[in-house]
Amino acid sequence: MHDALPIVEAEKVCVPAEPEGPALLETRGLCVWAGNRALIRNVNLKIAAKQVFGLIGPSGAGKSTLLKCLNRLIELTPGLRIEGEVLLHGKSIYDRAVDADGLRGRIGILFQQPVVFPKSIYQNVIFGVRHLGVVKQHDWPAVAERALSESALWDEVKDRLKEPASRLSVGQQQRLCLARTLANEPEVILMDEPTSALDPRSAGAIEELILRLKSQRTIVLVTHNIPQARRLADWLACLCVNEGVGEVMETACCDKLLDNPSCQGVVEYLRAGEPEGRG
């Protein structure tokens, strides 16, 4: 795929670069274990505000696992435990005083397959704010309109808010899930291959929204689509498998990592390529 990529000496040491500016979200020595087996280890990342931070790498390198650590969804998977730190504004999100549900309102997530609830379009949008109780009931309609407008869905559904969300197309359902996340006014949105299940037109709509949203929010995007990473990401981290464990091999600004990577594992990954949509 990248015929012009340089040959990198195997013994070269890779030193992860850091984006400029203070970190909004940071991991320090992050490891995830399943019993005695490490899934990812020693992940150190700094993610600045109002950018798209992309996570790329081969299947099985732990990108989705890492993403779930960033808003404590990893705690909902039995048998997994984490070591290290995840910091939001310099404070640990795993501190016992931090409410996990409230945290997930601040750090929302969008999955590969849209997850709509067996409720109306309107009830789907307000599900989070209703559960968290941070918005008064009389303000829910305004919140729903704002979130649906921000996800470019309002004009398509404003006259059918009472209809089941399941009647929407897959692309509309994904934007509805985004609206549900946006209703909580998150600081960070985690996206795990959000376009891989969509047709090209719907995928393009989500990409346009990502570029628009980053002016106000930070987005962490897992993608196997390298052209998509180039279109959307400001900064990239590439995870590869080393001795059976996922590790961050290199971080850099998008063009630097894709056009002139420093690490042999990243060079090999980009040369080999990988079909879009694999987990």
C-alpha atoms as a PDB file:
ATOM      1  CA  MET A   1       0.000   0.000   0.000  1.00  0.00           C
ATOM      2  CA  HIS A   2       2.854   2.383   0.816  1.00  0.00           C
ATOM      3  CA  ASP A   3       5.553   1.299  -1.663  1.00  0.00           C
ATOM      4  CA  ALA A   4       7.693   4.321  -0.877  1.00  0.00           C
ATOM      5  CA  LEU A   5       7.940   3.635   2.850  1.00  0.00           C
ATOM      6  CA  PRO A   6      11.527   3.612   4.077  1.00  0.00           C
ATOM      7  CA  ILE A   7      13.369   0.549   5.258  1.00  0.00           C
ATOM      8  CA  VAL A   8      13.818   0.925   8.994  1.00  0.00           C
ATOM      9  CA  GLU A   9      16.548  -0.872  10.876  1.00  0.00           C
ATOM     10  CA  ALA A  10      15.055  -3.393  13.268  1.00  0.00           C
ATOM     11  CA  GLU A  11      17.214  -2.280  16.180  1.00  0.00           C
ATOM     12  CA  LYS A  12      16.032   1.336  16.001  1.00  0.00           C
ATOM     13  CA  VAL A  13      14.491   2.500  19.257  1.00  0.00           C
ATOM     14  CA  CYS A  14      11.081   4.148  18.975  1.00  0.00           C
ATOM     15  CA  VAL A  15      10.382   7.094  21.228  1.00  0.00           C
ATOM     16  CA  PRO A  16       6.681   8.058  21.257  1.00  0.00           C
ATOM     17  CA  ALA A  17       6.141  11.680  20.326  1.00  0.00           C
ATOM     18  CA  GLU A  18       3.623  13.889  22.095  1.00  0.00           C
ATOM     19  CA  PRO A  19       1.138  16.416  20.717  1.00  0.00           C
ATOM     20  CA  GLU A  20       1.670  20.028  21.628  1.00  0.00           C
ATOM     21  CA  GLY A  21      -0.336  21.572  24.447  1.00  0.00           C
ATOM     22  CA  PRO A  22      -1.605  20.168  27.738  1.00  0.00           C
ATOM     23  CA  ALA A  23      -3.235  16.741  27.731  1.00  0.00           C
ATOM     24  CA  LEU A  24      -6.989  16.575  28.201  1.00  0.00           C
ATOM     25  CA  LEU A  25      -6.872  12.777  28.459  1.00  0.00           C
ATOM     26  CA  GLU A  26      -3.774  10.792  29.383  1.00  0.00           C
ATOM     27  CA  THR A  27      -2.751   7.198  30.056  1.00  0.00           C
ATOM     28  CA  ARG A  28       0.278   6.308  32.152  1.00  0.00           C
ATOM     29  CA  GLY A  29       1.667   2.797  32.217  1.00  0.00           C
ATOM     30  CA  LEU A  30      -1.744   1.390  31.314  1.00  0.00           C
ATOM     31  CA  CYS A  31      -1.960  -2.408  31.216  1.00  0.00           C
ATOM     32  CA  VAL A  32      -4.961  -4.716  30.877  1.00  0.00           C
ATOM     33  CA  TRP A  33      -4.838  -8.298  32.089  1.00  0.00           C
ATOM     34  CA  ALA A  34      -7.064 -11.315  31.516  1.00  0.00           C
ATOM     35  CA  GLY A  35      -5.978 -13.556  34.350  1.00  0.00           C
ATOM     36  CA  ASN A  36      -2.209 -13.909  33.999  1.00  0.00           C
ATOM     37  CA  ARG A  37      -2.206 -12.883  30.328  1.00  0.00           C
ATOM     38  CA  ALA A  38      -1.554  -9.285  29.347  1.00  0.00           C
ATOM     39  CA  LEU A  39      -3.774  -7.894  26.564  1.00  0.00           C
ATOM     40  CA  ILE A  40      -2.123  -4.466  26.359  1.00  0.00           C
ATOM     41  CA  ARG A  41       0.834  -3.147  28.323  1.00  0.00           C
ATOM     42  CA  ASN A  42       2.645   0.048  29.163  1.00  0.00           C
ATOM     43  CA  VAL A  43       0.413   2.359  27.140  1.00  0.00           C
ATOM     44  CA  ASN A  44       1.463   5.987  27.610  1.00  0.00           C
ATOM     45  CA  LEU A  45      -0.571   8.472  25.586  1.00  0.00           C
ATOM     46  CA  LYS A  46      -1.346  12.164  25.805  1.00  0.00           C
ATOM     47  CA  ILE A  47      -4.455  13.332  23.971  1.00  0.00           C
ATOM     48  CA  ALA A  48      -4.884  17.067  23.530  1.00  0.00           C
ATOM     49  CA  ALA A  49      -8.242  18.826  23.484  1.00  0.00           C
ATOM     50  CA  LYS A  50     -10.264  19.468  20.325  1.00  0.00           C
ATOM     51  CA  GLN A  51      -8.525  17.072  17.986  1.00  0.00           C
ATOM     52  CA  VAL A  52      -9.137  13.688  16.400  1.00  0.00           C
ATOM     53  CA  PHE A  53      -6.718  11.208  17.943  1.00  0.00           C
ATOM     54  CA  GLY A  54      -6.648   8.043  15.830  1.00  0.00           C
ATOM     55  CA  LEU A  55      -5.788   4.515  16.945  1.00  0.00           C
ATOM     56  CA  ILE A  56      -4.615   2.222  14.159  1.00  0.00           C
ATOM     57  CA  GLY A  57      -2.921  -1.161  14.018  1.00  0.00           C
ATOM     58  CA  PRO A  58      -3.563  -4.806  13.177  1.00  0.00           C
ATOM     59  CA  SER A  59      -6.448  -6.848  14.535  1.00  0.00           C
ATOM     60  CA  GLY A  60      -5.851  -8.177  18.018  1.00  0.00           C
ATOM     61  CA  ALA A  61      -3.503  -5.367  19.046  1.00  0.00           C
ATOM     62  CA  GLY A  62      -5.931  -4.126  21.707  1.00  0.00           C
ATOM     63  CA  LYS A  63      -7.314  -0.918  20.198  1.00  0.00           C
ATOM     64  CA  SER A  64     -10.897  -1.565  21.295  1.00  0.00           C
ATOM     65  CA  THR A  65      -9.694  -2.734  24.694  1.00  0.00           C
ATOM     66  CA  LEU A  66      -7.733   0.488  25.106  1.00  0.00           C
ATOM     67  CA  LEU A  67     -10.745   2.549  24.063  1.00  0.00           C
ATOM     68  CA  LYS A  68     -12.929   0.921  26.712  1.00  0.00           C
ATOM     69  CA  CYS A  69     -10.349   1.781  29.367  1.00  0.00           C
ATOM     70  CA  LEU A  70     -10.789   5.473  28.607  1.00  0.00           C
ATOM     71  CA  ASN A  71     -14.323   5.610  30.059  1.00  0.00           C
ATOM     72  CA  ARG A  72     -14.240   2.587  32.364  1.00  0.00           C
ATOM     73  CA  LEU A  73     -16.365   0.339  30.163  1.00  0.00           C
ATOM     74  CA  ILE A  74     -13.579  -2.185  30.659  1.00  0.00           C
ATOM     75  CA  GLU A  75     -14.975  -2.714  34.163  1.00  0.00           C
ATOM     76  CA  LEU A  76     -18.094  -4.293  32.657  1.00  0.00           C
ATOM     77  CA  THR A  77     -16.094  -7.156  31.103  1.00  0.00           C
ATOM     78  CA  PRO A  78     -15.717  -9.975  33.656  1.00  0.00           C
ATOM     79  CA  GLY A  79     -12.223 -11.307  34.212  1.00  0.00           C
ATOM     80  CA  LEU A  80     -10.325  -8.218  33.118  1.00  0.00           C
ATOM     81  CA  ARG A  81      -8.295  -5.964  35.368  1.00  0.00           C
ATOM     82  CA  ILE A  82      -6.238  -2.877  34.689  1.00  0.00           C
ATOM     83  CA  GLU A  83      -3.027  -1.401  36.019  1.00  0.00           C
ATOM     84  CA  GLY A  84      -1.711   2.101  35.539  1.00  0.00           C
ATOM     85  CA  GLU A  85      -3.630   5.337  35.239  1.00  0.00           C
ATOM     86  CA  VAL A  86      -6.122   7.095  33.004  1.00  0.00           C
ATOM     87  CA  LEU A  87      -6.325  10.819  33.719  1.00  0.00           C
ATOM     88  CA  LEU A  88      -8.933  13.369  32.658  1.00  0.00           C
ATOM     89  CA  HIS A  89      -7.783  16.941  33.357  1.00  0.00           C
ATOM     90  CA  GLY A  90      -4.979  15.405  35.398  1.00  0.00           C
ATOM     91  CA  LYS A  91      -7.283  13.448  37.710  1.00  0.00           C
ATOM     92  CA  SER A  92      -7.685   9.673  37.765  1.00  0.00           C
ATOM     93  CA  ILE A  93     -10.969   8.457  36.298  1.00  0.00           C
ATOM     94  CA  TYR A  94     -10.573   5.255  38.341  1.00  0.00           C
ATOM     95  CA  ASP A  95     -10.579   7.067  41.658  1.00  0.00           C
ATOM     96  CA  ARG A  96     -13.204   5.568  43.959  1.00  0.00           C
ATOM     97  CA  ALA A  97     -14.846   8.961  44.317  1.00  0.00           C
ATOM     98  CA  VAL A  98     -15.563   9.133  40.554  1.00  0.00           C
ATOM     99  CA  ASP A  99     -19.060   8.059  39.536  1.00  0.00           C
ATOM    100  CA  ALA A 100     -18.692   5.730  36.551  1.00  0.00           C
ATOM    101  CA  ASP A 101     -22.051   6.640  34.980  1.00  0.00           C
ATOM    102  CA  GLY A 102     -21.326  10.341  35.264  1.00  0.00           C
ATOM    103  CA  LEU A 103     -17.887   9.784  33.769  1.00  0.00           C
ATOM    104  CA  ARG A 104     -19.404   7.992  30.770  1.00  0.00           C
ATOM    105  CA  GLY A 105     -21.586  11.037  30.237  1.00  0.00           C
ATOM    106  CA  ARG A 106     -18.412  13.138  29.974  1.00  0.00           C
ATOM    107  CA  ILE A 107     -16.604  10.516  27.859  1.00  0.00           C
ATOM    108  CA  GLY A 108     -19.182   9.008  25.525  1.00  0.00           C
ATOM    109  CA  ILE A 109     -18.682   6.104  23.119  1.00  0.00           C
ATOM    110  CA  LEU A 110     -19.925   5.128  19.670  1.00  0.00           C
ATOM    111  CA  PHE A 111     -19.598   1.498  18.612  1.00  0.00           C
ATOM    112  CA  GLN A 112     -19.030  -0.208  15.273  1.00  0.00           C
ATOM    113  CA  GLN A 113     -22.643  -1.378  15.125  1.00  0.00           C
ATOM    114  CA  PRO A 114     -25.294   1.148  16.169  1.00  0.00           C
ATOM    115  CA  VAL A 115     -26.883   0.199  19.480  1.00  0.00           C
ATOM    116  CA  VAL A 116     -30.428   1.566  19.574  1.00  0.00           C
ATOM    117  CA  PHE A 117     -32.799   0.777  22.404  1.00  0.00           C
ATOM    118  CA  PRO A 118     -36.292  -0.671  21.797  1.00  0.00           C
ATOM    119  CA  LYS A 119     -37.794   2.747  22.376  1.00  0.00           C
ATOM    120  CA  SER A 120     -38.842   5.752  20.332  1.00  0.00           C
ATOM    121  CA  ILE A 121     -36.362   8.005  18.580  1.00  0.00           C
ATOM    122  CA  TYR A 122     -36.982  10.672  21.218  1.00  0.00           C
ATOM    123  CA  GLN A 123     -36.566   8.281  24.154  1.00  0.00           C
ATOM    124  CA  ASN A 124     -33.299   7.041  22.676  1.00  0.00           C
ATOM    125  CA  VAL A 125     -31.885  10.554  22.504  1.00  0.00           C
ATOM    126  CA  ILE A 126     -32.761  11.518  26.065  1.00  0.00           C
ATOM    127  CA  PHE A 127     -31.897   8.138  27.590  1.00  0.00           C
ATOM    128  CA  GLY A 128     -28.587   9.304  29.075  1.00  0.00           C
ATOM    129  CA  VAL A 129     -29.727  12.656  30.428  1.00  0.00           C
ATOM    130  CA  ARG A 130     -32.803  11.022  31.903  1.00  0.00           C
ATOM    131  CA  HIS A 131     -30.699   8.328  33.590  1.00  0.00           C
ATOM    132  CA  LEU A 132     -28.117  10.780  34.922  1.00  0.00           C
ATOM    133  CA  GLY A 133     -30.731  13.273  36.102  1.00  0.00           C
ATOM    134  CA  VAL A 134     -28.602  16.270  35.159  1.00  0.00           C
ATOM    135  CA  VAL A 135     -31.295  17.923  33.016  1.00  0.00           C
ATOM    136  CA  LYS A 136     -34.789  18.825  34.187  1.00  0.00           C
ATOM    137  CA  GLN A 137     -37.617  17.032  32.420  1.00  0.00           C
ATOM    138  CA  HIS A 138     -39.100  20.179  30.889  1.00  0.00           C
ATOM    139  CA  ASP A 139     -35.759  20.747  29.130  1.00  0.00           C
ATOM    140  CA  TRP A 140     -35.587  17.297  27.526  1.00  0.00           C
ATOM    141  CA  PRO A 141     -37.267  18.332  24.239  1.00  0.00           C
ATOM    142  CA  ALA A 142     -34.768  21.162  23.764  1.00  0.00           C
ATOM    143  CA  VAL A 143     -31.889  18.793  24.543  1.00  0.00           C
ATOM    144  CA  ALA A 144     -33.204  16.276  22.014  1.00  0.00           C
ATOM    145  CA  GLU A 145     -33.514  18.912  19.293  1.00  0.00           C
ATOM    146  CA  ARG A 146     -30.015  20.227  19.976  1.00  0.00           C
ATOM    147  CA  ALA A 147     -28.442  16.775  19.939  1.00  0.00           C
ATOM    148  CA  LEU A 148     -30.299  15.646  16.819  1.00  0.00           C
ATOM    149  CA  SER A 149     -29.355  18.874  15.055  1.00  0.00           C
ATOM    150  CA  GLU A 150     -25.726  18.464  16.065  1.00  0.00           C
ATOM    151  CA  SER A 151     -25.754  14.944  14.608  1.00  0.00           C
ATOM    152  CA  ALA A 152     -27.398  16.181  11.382  1.00  0.00           C
ATOM    153  CA  LEU A 153     -30.514  14.090  11.989  1.00  0.00           C
ATOM    154  CA  TRP A 154     -33.116  16.598  13.181  1.00  0.00           C
ATOM    155  CA  ASP A 155     -34.557  17.476   9.776  1.00  0.00           C
ATOM    156  CA  GLU A 156     -34.988  13.783   8.950  1.00  0.00           C
ATOM    157  CA  VAL A 157     -36.791  12.769  12.146  1.00  0.00           C
ATOM    158  CA  LYS A 158     -38.389  15.888  13.668  1.00  0.00           C
ATOM    159  CA  ASP A 159     -41.869  14.768  12.537  1.00  0.00           C
ATOM    160  CA  ARG A 160     -41.463  11.158  13.669  1.00  0.00           C
ATOM    161  CA  LEU A 161     -39.886  11.383  17.113  1.00  0.00           C
ATOM    162  CA  LYS A 162     -42.449   8.967  18.567  1.00  0.00           C
ATOM    163  CA  GLU A 163     -41.641   6.242  16.039  1.00  0.00           C
ATOM    164  CA  PRO A 164     -39.463   3.264  17.067  1.00  0.00           C
ATOM    165  CA  ALA A 165     -35.793   3.927  16.514  1.00  0.00           C
ATOM    166  CA  SER A 166     -35.535   0.519  14.850  1.00  0.00           C
ATOM    167  CA  ARG A 167     -37.354   1.925  11.796  1.00  0.00           C
ATOM    168  CA  LEU A 168     -34.404   4.152  10.948  1.00  0.00           C
ATOM    169  CA  SER A 169     -31.780   3.076   8.441  1.00  0.00           C
ATOM    170  CA  VAL A 170     -28.466   1.793   9.797  1.00  0.00           C
ATOM    171  CA  GLY A 171     -26.788   5.083   8.936  1.00  0.00           C
ATOM    172  CA  GLN A 172     -29.530   7.043  10.689  1.00  0.00           C
ATOM    173  CA  GLN A 173     -29.302   4.728  13.698  1.00  0.00           C
ATOM    174  CA  GLN A 174     -25.591   5.460  13.987  1.00  0.00           C
ATOM    175  CA  ARG A 175     -26.290   9.190  13.933  1.00  0.00           C
ATOM    176  CA  LEU A 176     -29.026   8.614  16.527  1.00  0.00           C
ATOM    177  CA  CYS A 177     -26.469   6.912  18.766  1.00  0.00           C
ATOM    178  CA  LEU A 178     -24.223   9.900  18.252  1.00  0.00           C
ATOM    179  CA  ALA A 179     -27.104  12.211  19.198  1.00  0.00           C
ATOM    180  CA  ARG A 180     -27.691  10.193  22.374  1.00  0.00           C
ATOM    181  CA  THR A 181     -24.034  10.698  23.257  1.00  0.00           C
ATOM    182  CA  LEU A 182     -24.119  14.399  22.382  1.00  0.00           C
ATOM    183  CA  ALA A 183     -27.196  14.975  24.546  1.00  0.00           C
ATOM    184  CA  ASN A 184     -24.886  14.591  27.565  1.00  0.00           C
ATOM    185  CA  GLU A 185     -22.567  17.300  26.190  1.00  0.00           C
ATOM    186  CA  PRO A 186     -19.460  15.114  26.492  1.00  0.00           C
ATOM    187  CA  GLU A 187     -15.935  16.474  26.495  1.00  0.00           C
ATOM    188  CA  VAL A 188     -14.635  13.368  24.732  1.00  0.00           C
ATOM    189  CA  ILE A 189     -16.260  10.992  22.251  1.00  0.00           C
ATOM    190  CA  LEU A 190     -14.726   7.552  21.758  1.00  0.00           C
ATOM    191  CA  MET A 191     -15.470   5.977  18.372  1.00  0.00           C
ATOM    192  CA  ASP A 192     -14.773   2.312  17.647  1.00  0.00           C
ATOM    193  CA  GLU A 193     -14.809   1.926  13.839  1.00  0.00           C
ATOM    194  CA  PRO A 194     -18.035   3.950  13.621  1.00  0.00           C
ATOM    195  CA  THR A 195     -18.331   3.763   9.807  1.00  0.00           C
ATOM    196  CA  SER A 196     -17.282   0.185   9.061  1.00  0.00           C
ATOM    197  CA  ALA A 197     -20.876  -1.127   9.056  1.00  0.00           C
ATOM    198  CA  LEU A 198     -22.208   1.739   6.910  1.00  0.00           C
ATOM    199  CA  ASP A 199     -22.635   2.324   3.202  1.00  0.00           C
ATOM    200  CA  PRO A 200     -20.292   4.910   1.638  1.00  0.00           C
ATOM    201  CA  ARG A 201     -22.841   7.733   1.775  1.00  0.00           C
ATOM    202  CA  SER A 202     -23.637   7.166   5.456  1.00  0.00           C
ATOM    203  CA  ALA A 203     -19.947   6.750   6.248  1.00  0.00           C
ATOM    204  CA  GLY A 204     -19.247  10.064   4.554  1.00  0.00           C
ATOM    205  CA  ALA A 205     -21.923  11.729   6.680  1.00  0.00           C
ATOM    206  CA  ILE A 206     -20.310  10.435   9.875  1.00  0.00           C
ATOM    207  CA  GLU A 207     -16.877  11.610   8.709  1.00  0.00           C
ATOM    208  CA  GLU A 208     -18.256  15.099   8.051  1.00  0.00           C
ATOM    209  CA  LEU A 209     -19.735  15.127  11.545  1.00  0.00           C
ATOM    210  CA  ILE A 210     -16.422  14.083  13.087  1.00  0.00           C
ATOM    211  CA  LEU A 211     -14.615  16.966  11.408  1.00  0.00           C
ATOM    212  CA  ARG A 212     -17.322  19.375  12.530  1.00  0.00           C
ATOM    213  CA  LEU A 213     -17.474  18.073  16.099  1.00  0.00           C
ATOM    214  CA  LYS A 214     -13.758  18.357  16.813  1.00  0.00           C
ATOM    215  CA  SER A 215     -14.030  22.137  16.972  1.00  0.00           C
ATOM    216  CA  GLN A 216     -15.827  21.669  20.292  1.00  0.00           C
ATOM    217  CA  ARG A 217     -14.925  18.159  21.441  1.00  0.00           C
ATOM    218  CA  THR A 218     -12.072  15.687  21.537  1.00  0.00           C
ATOM    219  CA  ILE A 219     -12.521  12.501  19.526  1.00  0.00           C
ATOM    220  CA  VAL A 220     -10.593   9.254  19.908  1.00  0.00           C
ATOM    221  CA  LEU A 221     -11.134   7.179  16.772  1.00  0.00           C
ATOM    222  CA  VAL A 222     -10.303   3.510  16.193  1.00  0.00           C
ATOM    223  CA  THR A 223     -10.084   2.788  12.472  1.00  0.00           C
ATOM    224  CA  HIS A 224      -8.684   0.118  10.158  1.00  0.00           C
ATOM    225  CA  ASN A 225      -9.247   2.389   7.194  1.00  0.00           C
ATOM    226  CA  ILE A 226      -5.933   4.151   6.578  1.00  0.00           C
ATOM    227  CA  PRO A 227      -7.363   6.644   4.050  1.00  0.00           C
ATOM    228  CA  GLN A 228      -9.996   7.515   6.653  1.00  0.00           C
ATOM    229  CA  ALA A 229      -7.290   8.021   9.268  1.00  0.00           C
ATOM    230  CA  ARG A 230      -5.517  10.399   6.914  1.00  0.00           C
ATOM    231  CA  ARG A 231      -8.731  12.339   6.241  1.00  0.00           C
ATOM    232  CA  LEU A 232      -9.768  12.685   9.863  1.00  0.00           C
ATOM    233  CA  ALA A 233      -6.930  12.286  12.343  1.00  0.00           C
ATOM    234  CA  ASP A 234      -4.705  15.053  13.637  1.00  0.00           C
ATOM    235  CA  TRP A 235      -2.599  12.637  15.654  1.00  0.00           C
ATOM    236  CA  LEU A 236      -2.132   8.872  15.465  1.00  0.00           C
ATOM    237  CA  ALA A 237      -0.994   6.069  17.699  1.00  0.00           C
ATOM    238  CA  CYS A 238      -0.218   2.708  16.127  1.00  0.00           C
ATOM    239  CA  LEU A 239      -0.639  -0.392  18.279  1.00  0.00           C
ATOM    240  CA  CYS A 240       1.074  -3.609  17.235  1.00  0.00           C
ATOM    241  CA  VAL A 241       1.406  -7.045  18.793  1.00  0.00           C
ATOM    242  CA  ASN A 242       4.742  -7.687  20.459  1.00  0.00           C
ATOM    243  CA  GLU A 243       5.277 -11.143  21.985  1.00  0.00           C
ATOM    244  CA  GLY A 244       1.520 -11.666  21.997  1.00  0.00           C
ATOM    245  CA  VAL A 245       0.716  -8.366  23.749  1.00  0.00           C
ATOM    246  CA  GLY A 246      -0.612  -5.110  22.307  1.00  0.00           C
ATOM    247  CA  GLU A 247       1.749  -2.170  22.635  1.00  0.00           C
ATOM    248  CA  VAL A 248       1.881   1.376  21.276  1.00  0.00           C
ATOM    249  CA  MET A 249       4.742   1.241  18.794  1.00  0.00           C
ATOM    250  CA  GLU A 250       4.670   4.855  17.674  1.00  0.00           C
ATOM    251  CA  THR A 251       2.734   8.076  18.075  1.00  0.00           C
ATOM    252  CA  ALA A 252       3.077  11.098  15.804  1.00  0.00           C
ATOM    253  CA  CYS A 253       1.094  13.603  13.825  1.00  0.00           C
ATOM    254  CA  CYS A 254      -0.947  11.841  11.160  1.00  0.00           C
ATOM    255  CA  ASP A 255       1.121  12.609   8.053  1.00  0.00           C
ATOM    256  CA  LYS A 256       4.414  11.890   9.812  1.00  0.00           C
ATOM    257  CA  LEU A 257       3.315   8.472  11.015  1.00  0.00           C
ATOM    258  CA  LEU A 258       1.712   7.423   7.727  1.00  0.00           C
ATOM    259  CA  ASP A 259       4.360   8.823   5.371  1.00  0.00           C
ATOM    260  CA  ASN A 260       7.553   8.428   7.364  1.00  0.00           C
ATOM    261  CA  PRO A 261       7.114   6.032  10.297  1.00  0.00           C
ATOM    262  CA  SER A 262      10.073   5.428  12.585  1.00  0.00           C
ATOM    263  CA  CYS A 263       9.272   1.930  13.839  1.00  0.00           C
ATOM    264  CA  GLN A 264       9.705  -1.294  11.896  1.00  0.00           C
ATOM    265  CA  GLY A 265       6.429  -2.716  13.198  1.00  0.00           C
ATOM    266  CA  VAL A 266       4.515   0.303  11.935  1.00  0.00           C
ATOM    267  CA  VAL A 267       6.261   0.106   8.555  1.00  0.00           C
ATOM    268  CA  GLU A 268       5.306  -3.549   8.222  1.00  0.00           C
ATOM    269  CA  TYR A 269       1.712  -2.912   9.254  1.00  0.00           C
ATOM    270  CA  LEU A 270       1.267  -0.113   6.720  1.00  0.00           C
ATOM    271  CA  ARG A 271       2.898  -2.137   3.957  1.00  0.00           C
ATOM    272  CA  ALA A 272       0.740  -5.179   4.627  1.00  0.00           C
ATOM    273  CA  GLY A 273      -2.486  -3.235   4.913  1.00  0.00           C
ATOM    274  CA  GLU A 274      -5.642  -4.687   6.346  1.00  0.00           C
ATOM    275  CA  PRO A 275      -9.254  -4.882   5.131  1.00  0.00           C
ATOM    276  CA  GLU A 276     -11.489  -2.241   6.638  1.00  0.00           C
ATOM    277  CA  GLY A 277     -13.914  -3.293   9.303  1.00  0.00           C
ATOM    278  CA  ARG A 278     -11.980  -6.012  11.109  1.00  0.00           C
ATOM    279  CA  GLY A 279     -12.006  -5.854  14.900  1.00  0.00           C
END
